[in-house]
Amino acid sequence: MKEIILNFERELHFILHGQPRTGYLRVTKLVLSPDHGRWECRWSLDHIYPETVSFRGDDPLQALTTTLDFAASLVRGSEVDGATIFWQRDGDHAGLTFPMCEDHQWKQTPNA
């Protein structure tokens, strides 16, 4: 079994049902699953998705980006449902933003 240890951890601030809490977004490792022949990214998000779960990809990068994409959507969906989740300041979506992509900088024509 191939395994890439990541142990990424980000402390986050939550306000859930009016109660402030702290918790963590954890991305622990990437594992090549012999049963599926695909890479799995193991991760969890305290208070929202606390059990370690996995998303799969054809390679480690796809597994990781799929996980981060889902986590970003999960945070934003939780915020729509009334939760507050932030990393450095309220409104930062737990730091799971991708400004160049969200601002459509990839569409801009470079100056010649």
C-alpha atoms as a PDB file:
ATOM      1  CA  MET A   1       0.000   0.000   0.000  1.00  0.00           C
ATOM      2  CA  LYS A   2       1.328   3.406  -0.953  1.00  0.00           C
ATOM      3  CA  GLU A   3       0.758   6.197   1.538  1.00  0.00           C
ATOM      4  CA  ILE A   4       1.601   9.900   1.680  1.00  0.00           C
ATOM      5  CA  ILE A   5       1.412  11.336   5.185  1.00  0.00           C
ATOM      6  CA  LEU A   6       0.212  14.946   5.167  1.00  0.00           C
ATOM      7  CA  ASN A   7      -0.963  15.779   8.698  1.00  0.00           C
ATOM      8  CA  PHE A   8      -2.329  19.142   7.528  1.00  0.00           C
ATOM      9  CA  GLU A   9      -4.304  20.748  10.301  1.00  0.00           C
ATOM     10  CA  ARG A  10      -5.996  24.140  10.499  1.00  0.00           C
ATOM     11  CA  GLU A  11      -7.585  25.453  13.677  1.00  0.00           C
ATOM     12  CA  LEU A  12     -10.954  27.002  12.906  1.00  0.00           C
ATOM     13  CA  HIS A  13     -13.518  29.066  14.770  1.00  0.00           C
ATOM     14  CA  PHE A  14     -17.138  27.961  14.716  1.00  0.00           C
ATOM     15  CA  ILE A  15     -20.338  29.541  15.923  1.00  0.00           C
ATOM     16  CA  LEU A  16     -22.992  26.829  15.887  1.00  0.00           C
ATOM     17  CA  HIS A  17     -26.463  27.451  17.312  1.00  0.00           C
ATOM     18  CA  GLY A  18     -25.093  30.622  18.948  1.00  0.00           C
ATOM     19  CA  GLN A  19     -22.269  28.761  20.712  1.00  0.00           C
ATOM     20  CA  PRO A  20     -18.626  29.634  19.893  1.00  0.00           C
ATOM     21  CA  ARG A  21     -16.291  26.672  19.524  1.00  0.00           C
ATOM     22  CA  THR A  22     -12.935  25.840  18.080  1.00  0.00           C
ATOM     23  CA  GLY A  23     -12.168  22.805  15.987  1.00  0.00           C
ATOM     24  CA  TYR A  24      -9.962  21.569  13.199  1.00  0.00           C
ATOM     25  CA  LEU A  25      -9.958  20.825   9.532  1.00  0.00           C
ATOM     26  CA  ARG A  26      -7.605  17.877   9.166  1.00  0.00           C
ATOM     27  CA  VAL A  27      -6.219  16.351   5.988  1.00  0.00           C
ATOM     28  CA  THR A  28      -4.215  13.429   7.303  1.00  0.00           C
ATOM     29  CA  LYS A  29      -2.997  11.349   4.401  1.00  0.00           C
ATOM     30  CA  LEU A  30      -3.313  10.083   0.875  1.00  0.00           C
ATOM     31  CA  VAL A  31      -3.519   6.322   0.451  1.00  0.00           C
ATOM     32  CA  LEU A  32      -3.499   4.163  -2.668  1.00  0.00           C
ATOM     33  CA  SER A  33      -6.408   1.797  -2.075  1.00  0.00           C
ATOM     34  CA  PRO A  34      -5.596  -1.729  -3.263  1.00  0.00           C
ATOM     35  CA  ASP A  35      -9.319  -2.545  -3.335  1.00  0.00           C
ATOM     36  CA  HIS A  36     -10.218   0.323  -5.663  1.00  0.00           C
ATOM     37  CA  GLY A  37      -6.911   1.001  -7.430  1.00  0.00           C
ATOM     38  CA  ARG A  38      -7.426   4.712  -6.732  1.00  0.00           C
ATOM     39  CA  TRP A  39      -5.995   7.232  -4.309  1.00  0.00           C
ATOM     40  CA  GLU A  40      -7.998   8.244  -1.242  1.00  0.00           C
ATOM     41  CA  CYS A  41      -7.608  11.497   0.679  1.00  0.00           C
ATOM     42  CA  ARG A  42      -8.441  11.048   4.374  1.00  0.00           C
ATOM     43  CA  TRP A  43      -9.867  14.132   6.080  1.00  0.00           C
ATOM     44  CA  SER A  44     -12.307  15.470   8.689  1.00  0.00           C
ATOM     45  CA  LEU A  45     -13.917  18.753   9.784  1.00  0.00           C
ATOM     46  CA  ASP A  46     -14.771  19.008  13.494  1.00  0.00           C
ATOM     47  CA  HIS A  47     -18.393  19.768  14.413  1.00  0.00           C
ATOM     48  CA  ILE A  48     -19.565  19.408  10.787  1.00  0.00           C
ATOM     49  CA  TYR A  49     -17.973  16.209   9.406  1.00  0.00           C
ATOM     50  CA  PRO A  50     -16.067  14.887  12.443  1.00  0.00           C
ATOM     51  CA  GLU A  51     -15.516  11.296  11.303  1.00  0.00           C
ATOM     52  CA  THR A  52     -12.550  10.720   9.033  1.00  0.00           C
ATOM     53  CA  VAL A  53     -13.814  10.122   5.505  1.00  0.00           C
ATOM     54  CA  SER A  54     -12.182   9.798   2.112  1.00  0.00           C
ATOM     55  CA  PHE A  55     -12.570  11.117  -1.383  1.00  0.00           C
ATOM     56  CA  ARG A  56     -10.984   9.256  -4.266  1.00  0.00           C
ATOM     57  CA  GLY A  57      -9.001  10.336  -7.266  1.00  0.00           C
ATOM     58  CA  ASP A  58      -6.996   8.788 -10.081  1.00  0.00           C
ATOM     59  CA  ASP A  59      -3.818  10.229  -8.552  1.00  0.00           C
ATOM     60  CA  PRO A  60      -2.919  11.879  -5.226  1.00  0.00           C
ATOM     61  CA  LEU A  61      -3.460  15.398  -6.552  1.00  0.00           C
ATOM     62  CA  GLN A  62      -6.966  14.647  -7.808  1.00  0.00           C
ATOM     63  CA  ALA A  63      -7.895  13.051  -4.475  1.00  0.00           C
ATOM     64  CA  LEU A  64      -6.588  16.113  -2.606  1.00  0.00           C
ATOM     65  CA  THR A  65      -8.232  18.721  -4.856  1.00  0.00           C
ATOM     66  CA  THR A  66     -11.552  16.853  -4.784  1.00  0.00           C
ATOM     67  CA  THR A  67     -11.381  16.832  -0.988  1.00  0.00           C
ATOM     68  CA  LEU A  68     -10.607  20.553  -0.754  1.00  0.00           C
ATOM     69  CA  ASP A  69     -13.344  21.353  -3.268  1.00  0.00           C
ATOM     70  CA  PHE A  70     -15.889  19.381  -1.236  1.00  0.00           C
ATOM     71  CA  ALA A  71     -14.700  20.885   2.072  1.00  0.00           C
ATOM     72  CA  ALA A  72     -15.014  24.418   0.634  1.00  0.00           C
ATOM     73  CA  SER A  73     -18.557  23.651  -0.549  1.00  0.00           C
ATOM     74  CA  LEU A  74     -19.439  22.051   2.795  1.00  0.00           C
ATOM     75  CA  VAL A  75     -18.266  25.131   4.709  1.00  0.00           C
ATOM     76  CA  ARG A  76     -20.218  27.483   2.470  1.00  0.00           C
ATOM     77  CA  GLY A  77     -23.324  25.323   2.642  1.00  0.00           C
ATOM     78  CA  SER A  78     -23.054  25.226   6.429  1.00  0.00           C
ATOM     79  CA  GLU A  79     -22.762  29.013   6.449  1.00  0.00           C
ATOM     80  CA  VAL A  80     -25.919  29.293   4.342  1.00  0.00           C
ATOM     81  CA  ASP A  81     -27.598  27.082   6.954  1.00  0.00           C
ATOM     82  CA  GLY A  82     -26.616  29.548   9.691  1.00  0.00           C
ATOM     83  CA  ALA A  83     -23.223  28.376  10.935  1.00  0.00           C
ATOM     84  CA  THR A  84     -20.221  30.678  11.152  1.00  0.00           C
ATOM     85  CA  ILE A  85     -16.923  29.014  10.261  1.00  0.00           C
ATOM     86  CA  PHE A  86     -13.729  30.974   9.872  1.00  0.00           C
ATOM     87  CA  TRP A  87      -9.971  30.686  10.063  1.00  0.00           C
ATOM     88  CA  GLN A  88      -8.444  34.157  10.466  1.00  0.00           C
ATOM     89  CA  ARG A  89     -11.501  36.419  10.277  1.00  0.00           C
ATOM     90  CA  ASP A  90     -15.249  36.114   9.931  1.00  0.00           C
ATOM     91  CA  GLY A  91     -16.242  35.604   6.319  1.00  0.00           C
ATOM     92  CA  ASP A  92     -13.050  33.870   5.139  1.00  0.00           C
ATOM     93  CA  HIS A  93     -14.873  30.529   4.634  1.00  0.00           C
ATOM     94  CA  ALA A  94     -12.318  28.649   6.768  1.00  0.00           C
ATOM     95  CA  GLY A  95      -9.592  29.856   4.403  1.00  0.00           C
ATOM     96  CA  LEU A  96     -10.904  27.508   1.720  1.00  0.00           C
ATOM     97  CA  THR A  97     -11.035  30.037  -1.070  1.00  0.00           C
ATOM     98  CA  PHE A  98      -9.278  30.026  -4.387  1.00  0.00           C
ATOM     99  CA  PRO A  99      -9.159  33.734  -5.293  1.00  0.00           C
ATOM    100  CA  MET A 100      -7.541  33.484  -8.725  1.00  0.00           C
ATOM    101  CA  CYS A 101     -10.159  30.988  -9.855  1.00  0.00           C
ATOM    102  CA  GLU A 102     -13.105  32.691  -8.130  1.00  0.00           C
ATOM    103  CA  ASP A 103     -12.122  36.061  -9.583  1.00  0.00           C
ATOM    104  CA  HIS A 104     -11.873  34.425 -13.028  1.00  0.00           C
ATOM    105  CA  GLN A 105      -8.287  35.618 -13.377  1.00  0.00           C
ATOM    106  CA  TRP A 106      -7.739  32.695 -15.735  1.00  0.00           C
ATOM    107  CA  LYS A 107     -10.049  34.444 -18.221  1.00  0.00           C
ATOM    108  CA  GLN A 108      -8.133  37.702 -18.225  1.00  0.00           C
ATOM    109  CA  THR A 109      -5.919  38.454 -21.180  1.00  0.00           C
ATOM    110  CA  PRO A 110      -2.340  39.135 -20.143  1.00  0.00           C
ATOM    111  CA  ASN A 111      -0.996  42.577 -20.969  1.00  0.00           C
ATOM    112  CA  ALA A 112       1.215  42.481 -24.012  1.00  0.00           C
END
